[in-house]
Amino acid sequence: MGAVVIVGDVGGCARQLAEALEPWVGVPDAVVIQVGDLVDRGPDSAGVLRLVEERLGGSAPRWVQLVGNHESPYLGAEPFWPVPLADGDAGVLRRWWLTERMRVAAAVRAADGEEFLLTHAGLSVAAWRELGGPVTASTAAELLNTRPEALLCSDGGPLWAEAPAVYGSWLDERLPLPFSQVHGHSAIVDYGRRVWLCPERVRQRSVVDWEARRTVTRLTGGGFVAVDPKHGRSGADRWAPLVLPGARLLV
């Protein structure tokens, strides 16, 4: 039986990424989806890019790479991180983008039938409406993969939106989620201090796995899974990718 393995933000922590992938190396029916922010902050962005380049070359498991806001300055967006990548590493990201080896979104169906849209930062109500209100995760992913520039550059778009604001937008509108979502980029907790960073109405709907470093927030119609482990400069000692046994990649 296959599995979809979802890896949160790596942030230049090559060792942590390699350790997380070790159980899946050579597993032909597994798919790894990384939600962006491979680079910056940590000690070895170049090593992260080398590792992913090997996986994108075709060795098992299959690798799906999504774009994050930390990749975006090398693809035409305004620079914001104070320490830029070396020219060669920046060129790797541009090549992935131009050859569509790095995408904006993916969609998966879990073994129980629940469908998830995967993006770097999540899809708010406003962003969903700007896409035309897609009713399936697959359609949303396909539309995002056309690279709508205004949406990708927006503070509330799927590369930049903050989790409390994304969740709050659906609560404010009292709309059921058309599909569930998995995202990185931000969290509703501080894993190091073990404190919540969100309004009470979000906290009441959420559970946290402090060891794996992810949260699940259930709303009407579906939920959000936040997978950014917040590695920081040196990498978290304990964390785990999200594994969906029996899941299938749709887009």
Protein backbone atom coordinates (compact mmCIF):
# COMPACT_ATOMS: atom_id res chain seq x y z
CA MET A 1 0.00 0.00 0.00
CA GLY A 2 1.34 3.43 -0.92
CA ALA A 3 1.72 6.46 1.29
CA VAL A 4 1.96 10.20 0.88
CA VAL A 5 4.65 11.74 3.08
CA ILE A 6 4.29 15.50 3.63
CA VAL A 7 7.38 17.38 4.72
CA GLY A 8 7.07 20.82 6.28
CA ASP A 9 9.42 23.78 5.93
CA VAL A 10 13.07 22.69 5.89
CA GLY A 11 14.73 26.10 6.18
CA GLY A 12 18.27 25.01 5.35
CA CYS A 13 18.35 22.07 7.81
CA ALA A 14 19.73 19.36 5.55
CA ARG A 15 20.43 16.82 8.28
CA GLN A 16 16.87 16.88 9.58
CA LEU A 17 15.51 16.47 6.05
CA ALA A 18 17.78 13.50 5.30
CA GLU A 19 16.83 11.77 8.54
CA ALA A 20 13.12 12.22 7.87
CA LEU A 21 13.43 10.75 4.40
CA GLU A 22 15.58 7.77 5.35
CA PRO A 23 12.68 5.34 6.00
CA TRP A 24 11.24 6.09 2.54
CA VAL A 25 14.33 5.84 0.37
CA GLY A 26 13.74 3.21 -2.28
CA VAL A 27 10.03 2.78 -1.48
CA PRO A 28 8.55 2.84 -4.98
CA ASP A 29 4.89 3.42 -4.10
CA ALA A 30 5.51 6.37 -1.76
CA VAL A 31 5.17 10.02 -2.73
CA VAL A 32 6.95 12.78 -0.83
CA ILE A 33 5.48 16.29 -1.03
CA GLN A 34 7.55 19.14 0.38
CA VAL A 35 5.56 22.32 1.01
CA GLY A 36 8.26 24.91 0.27
CA ASP A 37 10.78 27.01 2.20
CA LEU A 38 13.66 24.67 1.56
CA VAL A 39 16.23 27.41 2.07
CA ASP A 40 17.40 30.21 4.41
CA ARG A 41 17.83 30.47 8.17
CA GLY A 42 19.44 27.05 8.78
CA PRO A 43 23.07 25.99 8.31
CA ASP A 44 23.01 24.20 4.94
CA SER A 45 20.65 25.48 2.25
CA ALA A 46 23.03 24.22 -0.44
CA GLY A 47 22.93 20.72 1.04
CA VAL A 48 19.13 20.77 1.08
CA LEU A 49 19.03 21.71 -2.61
CA ARG A 50 21.49 18.94 -3.51
CA LEU A 51 19.38 16.37 -1.68
CA VAL A 52 16.16 17.48 -3.37
CA GLU A 53 17.84 17.64 -6.77
CA GLU A 54 18.73 13.96 -6.40
CA ARG A 55 15.12 13.10 -5.56
CA LEU A 56 13.73 15.13 -8.45
CA GLY A 57 16.02 13.13 -10.70
CA GLY A 58 13.66 10.19 -10.48
CA SER A 59 14.84 7.90 -7.66
CA ALA A 60 12.16 6.45 -5.38
CA PRO A 61 10.16 7.77 -3.69
CA ARG A 62 8.55 10.16 -6.14
CA TRP A 63 9.15 13.76 -5.12
CA VAL A 64 6.72 16.68 -5.49
CA GLN A 65 8.24 20.07 -4.71
CA LEU A 66 6.10 23.09 -3.85
CA VAL A 67 7.27 26.70 -3.78
CA GLY A 68 7.46 28.76 -0.61
CA ASN A 69 7.93 32.43 0.06
CA HIS A 70 11.65 31.88 0.70
CA GLU A 71 12.05 30.55 -2.84
CA SER A 72 10.02 33.37 -4.38
CA PRO A 73 12.77 36.07 -4.45
CA TYR A 74 14.77 33.87 -6.82
CA LEU A 75 11.76 33.57 -9.12
CA GLY A 76 11.07 37.28 -9.57
CA ALA A 77 9.62 38.47 -6.25
CA GLU A 78 11.19 41.19 -4.12
CA PRO A 79 14.12 40.00 -1.96
CA PHE A 80 13.47 40.04 1.79
CA TRP A 81 15.95 37.66 3.42
CA PRO A 82 19.22 39.39 4.41
CA VAL A 83 21.56 36.57 3.35
CA PRO A 84 21.00 35.62 -0.30
CA LEU A 85 21.77 32.21 -1.77
CA ALA A 86 24.88 31.70 -3.86
CA ASP A 87 24.28 32.27 -7.56
CA GLY A 88 24.50 28.56 -8.35
CA ASP A 89 21.91 27.63 -5.74
CA ALA A 90 19.60 30.42 -6.88
CA GLY A 91 19.96 29.07 -10.41
CA VAL A 92 18.81 25.63 -9.25
CA LEU A 93 15.56 27.11 -7.96
CA ARG A 94 15.00 29.06 -11.18
CA ARG A 95 15.58 25.94 -13.25
CA TRP A 96 13.06 23.95 -11.21
CA TRP A 97 10.50 26.71 -11.64
CA LEU A 98 11.03 27.10 -15.39
CA THR A 99 10.82 23.35 -15.99
CA GLU A 100 7.75 22.97 -13.69
CA ARG A 101 9.61 20.71 -11.28
CA MET A 102 8.52 23.14 -8.58
CA ARG A 103 4.82 23.95 -8.37
CA VAL A 104 2.44 26.03 -6.32
CA ALA A 105 0.02 23.36 -5.15
CA ALA A 106 -0.79 19.66 -4.97
CA ALA A 107 -3.91 17.69 -4.06
CA VAL A 108 -4.19 14.30 -2.37
CA ARG A 109 -6.99 11.97 -1.35
CA ALA A 110 -6.53 10.16 1.96
CA ALA A 111 -7.50 6.53 2.44
CA ASP A 112 -10.74 7.60 4.14
CA GLY A 113 -11.70 9.77 1.16
CA GLU A 114 -10.87 13.17 2.65
CA GLU A 115 -9.27 15.45 0.05
CA PHE A 116 -6.51 17.91 0.89
CA LEU A 117 -5.14 20.90 -0.95
CA LEU A 118 -1.43 21.39 -0.23
CA THR A 119 0.15 24.83 -0.51
CA HIS A 120 2.91 26.63 1.32
CA ALA A 121 0.77 28.94 3.45
CA GLY A 122 -2.84 27.87 3.03
CA LEU A 123 -5.79 29.26 1.13
CA SER A 124 -7.91 31.95 2.79
CA VAL A 125 -11.51 32.70 1.84
CA ALA A 126 -10.39 35.75 -0.16
CA ALA A 127 -7.80 33.75 -2.10
CA TRP A 128 -10.29 30.93 -2.68
CA ARG A 129 -12.79 33.41 -4.08
CA GLU A 130 -10.14 34.99 -6.29
CA LEU A 131 -9.60 31.53 -7.78
CA GLY A 132 -13.32 31.35 -8.56
CA GLY A 133 -14.43 29.31 -5.54
CA PRO A 134 -13.26 25.82 -6.62
CA VAL A 135 -15.20 23.04 -4.94
CA THR A 136 -12.50 20.35 -5.05
CA ALA A 137 -8.89 20.27 -3.93
CA SER A 138 -7.86 19.05 -7.38
CA THR A 139 -9.43 22.01 -9.16
CA ALA A 140 -7.91 24.45 -6.68
CA ALA A 141 -4.45 22.91 -7.20
CA GLU A 142 -4.78 23.04 -10.98
CA LEU A 143 -5.80 26.69 -10.85
CA LEU A 144 -2.95 27.61 -8.52
CA ASN A 145 -0.49 25.81 -10.76
CA THR A 146 -1.30 28.29 -13.53
CA ARG A 147 0.70 30.67 -11.28
CA PRO A 148 -1.72 33.59 -10.81
CA GLU A 149 0.89 36.27 -10.17
CA ALA A 150 -1.24 38.74 -8.22
CA LEU A 151 -2.43 36.03 -5.84
CA LEU A 152 1.05 34.60 -5.32
CA CYS A 153 2.45 38.03 -4.45
CA SER A 154 -0.40 38.93 -2.11
CA ASP A 155 0.15 39.07 1.66
CA GLY A 156 -2.94 36.90 2.02
CA GLY A 157 -2.05 34.52 -0.78
CA PRO A 158 -0.87 30.91 -0.62
CA LEU A 159 2.82 31.84 -0.19
CA TRP A 160 2.45 34.47 2.52
CA ALA A 161 -0.77 34.10 4.53
CA GLU A 162 -0.50 33.48 8.28
CA ALA A 163 -2.33 30.50 9.75
CA PRO A 164 -4.49 32.36 12.34
CA ALA A 165 -5.68 34.76 9.63
CA VAL A 166 -6.41 31.95 7.17
CA TYR A 167 -8.43 29.96 9.70
CA GLY A 168 -10.14 33.10 10.95
CA SER A 169 -11.22 34.07 7.45
CA TRP A 170 -13.29 30.88 7.15
CA LEU A 171 -14.70 31.33 10.65
CA ASP A 172 -15.62 34.96 9.96
CA GLU A 173 -17.52 34.06 6.81
CA ARG A 174 -19.17 31.02 8.45
CA LEU A 175 -18.46 29.07 5.30
CA PRO A 176 -17.86 25.32 5.30
CA LEU A 177 -14.49 24.37 3.91
CA PRO A 178 -14.94 22.93 0.40
CA PHE A 179 -11.91 20.68 1.07
CA SER A 180 -9.29 20.26 3.78
CA GLN A 181 -5.83 21.80 3.56
CA VAL A 182 -2.24 21.07 4.56
CA HIS A 183 0.23 23.94 4.75
CA GLY A 184 3.55 25.07 6.17
CA HIS A 185 4.87 28.63 6.59
CA SER A 186 3.38 29.50 9.98
CA ALA A 187 2.02 27.89 13.11
CA ILE A 188 -0.61 28.58 15.75
CA VAL A 189 1.74 27.48 18.54
CA ASP A 190 5.32 28.06 19.66
CA TYR A 191 6.76 24.55 19.81
CA GLY A 192 9.81 25.52 21.82
CA ARG A 193 7.89 27.26 24.59
CA ARG A 194 4.78 25.10 24.20
CA VAL A 195 2.39 28.05 24.10
CA TRP A 196 -0.49 28.94 21.79
CA LEU A 197 -0.24 31.86 19.35
CA CYS A 198 -3.81 32.08 18.11
CA PRO A 199 -7.21 33.42 19.17
CA GLU A 200 -9.24 31.29 21.55
CA ARG A 201 -11.81 30.45 18.85
CA VAL A 202 -9.05 28.79 16.83
CA ARG A 203 -7.49 27.10 19.84
CA GLN A 204 -10.83 25.51 20.79
CA ARG A 205 -10.92 23.80 17.41
CA SER A 206 -7.30 22.66 17.40
CA VAL A 207 -5.10 19.86 18.72
CA VAL A 208 -1.31 19.89 18.76
CA ASP A 209 1.26 17.09 18.51
CA TRP A 210 4.20 18.66 20.34
CA GLU A 211 6.59 15.84 19.43
CA ALA A 212 5.81 15.72 15.71
CA ARG A 213 5.43 19.53 15.62
CA ARG A 214 2.14 19.86 13.80
CA THR A 215 -1.38 21.00 14.54
CA VAL A 216 -4.83 20.01 13.29
CA THR A 217 -7.67 22.54 13.30
CA ARG A 218 -11.14 21.26 12.47
CA LEU A 219 -13.72 23.60 10.98
CA THR A 220 -17.10 22.96 9.40
CA GLY A 221 -16.61 20.83 6.30
CA GLY A 222 -12.97 19.93 6.84
CA GLY A 223 -9.81 21.05 8.53
CA PHE A 224 -6.30 22.46 8.36
CA VAL A 225 -3.08 20.60 9.13
CA ALA A 226 -0.06 22.84 9.77
CA VAL A 227 3.24 21.04 9.17
CA ASP A 228 5.91 23.74 9.57
CA PRO A 229 8.13 22.32 12.35
CA LYS A 230 9.86 25.67 12.94
CA HIS A 231 13.38 24.27 12.73
CA GLY A 232 14.99 27.65 13.32
CA ARG A 233 18.72 28.08 12.80
CA SER A 234 19.85 24.66 14.00
CA GLY A 235 16.92 22.31 13.40
CA ALA A 236 14.42 20.75 15.78
CA ASP A 237 15.65 17.74 17.77
CA ARG A 238 12.26 16.05 17.46
CA TRP A 239 9.76 16.33 14.64
CA ALA A 240 8.14 14.08 12.05
CA PRO A 241 6.64 14.43 8.58
CA LEU A 242 2.91 13.88 8.15
CA VAL A 243 2.36 10.39 6.74
CA LEU A 244 -0.94 9.50 5.07
CA PRO A 245 -0.97 5.70 4.55
CA GLY A 246 -2.95 4.59 1.54
CA ALA A 247 -3.31 8.15 0.24
CA ARG A 248 -3.19 8.98 -3.47
CA LEU A 249 -1.72 11.97 -5.27
CA LEU A 250 -4.41 13.65 -7.39
CA VAL A 251 -2.56 16.72 -8.70
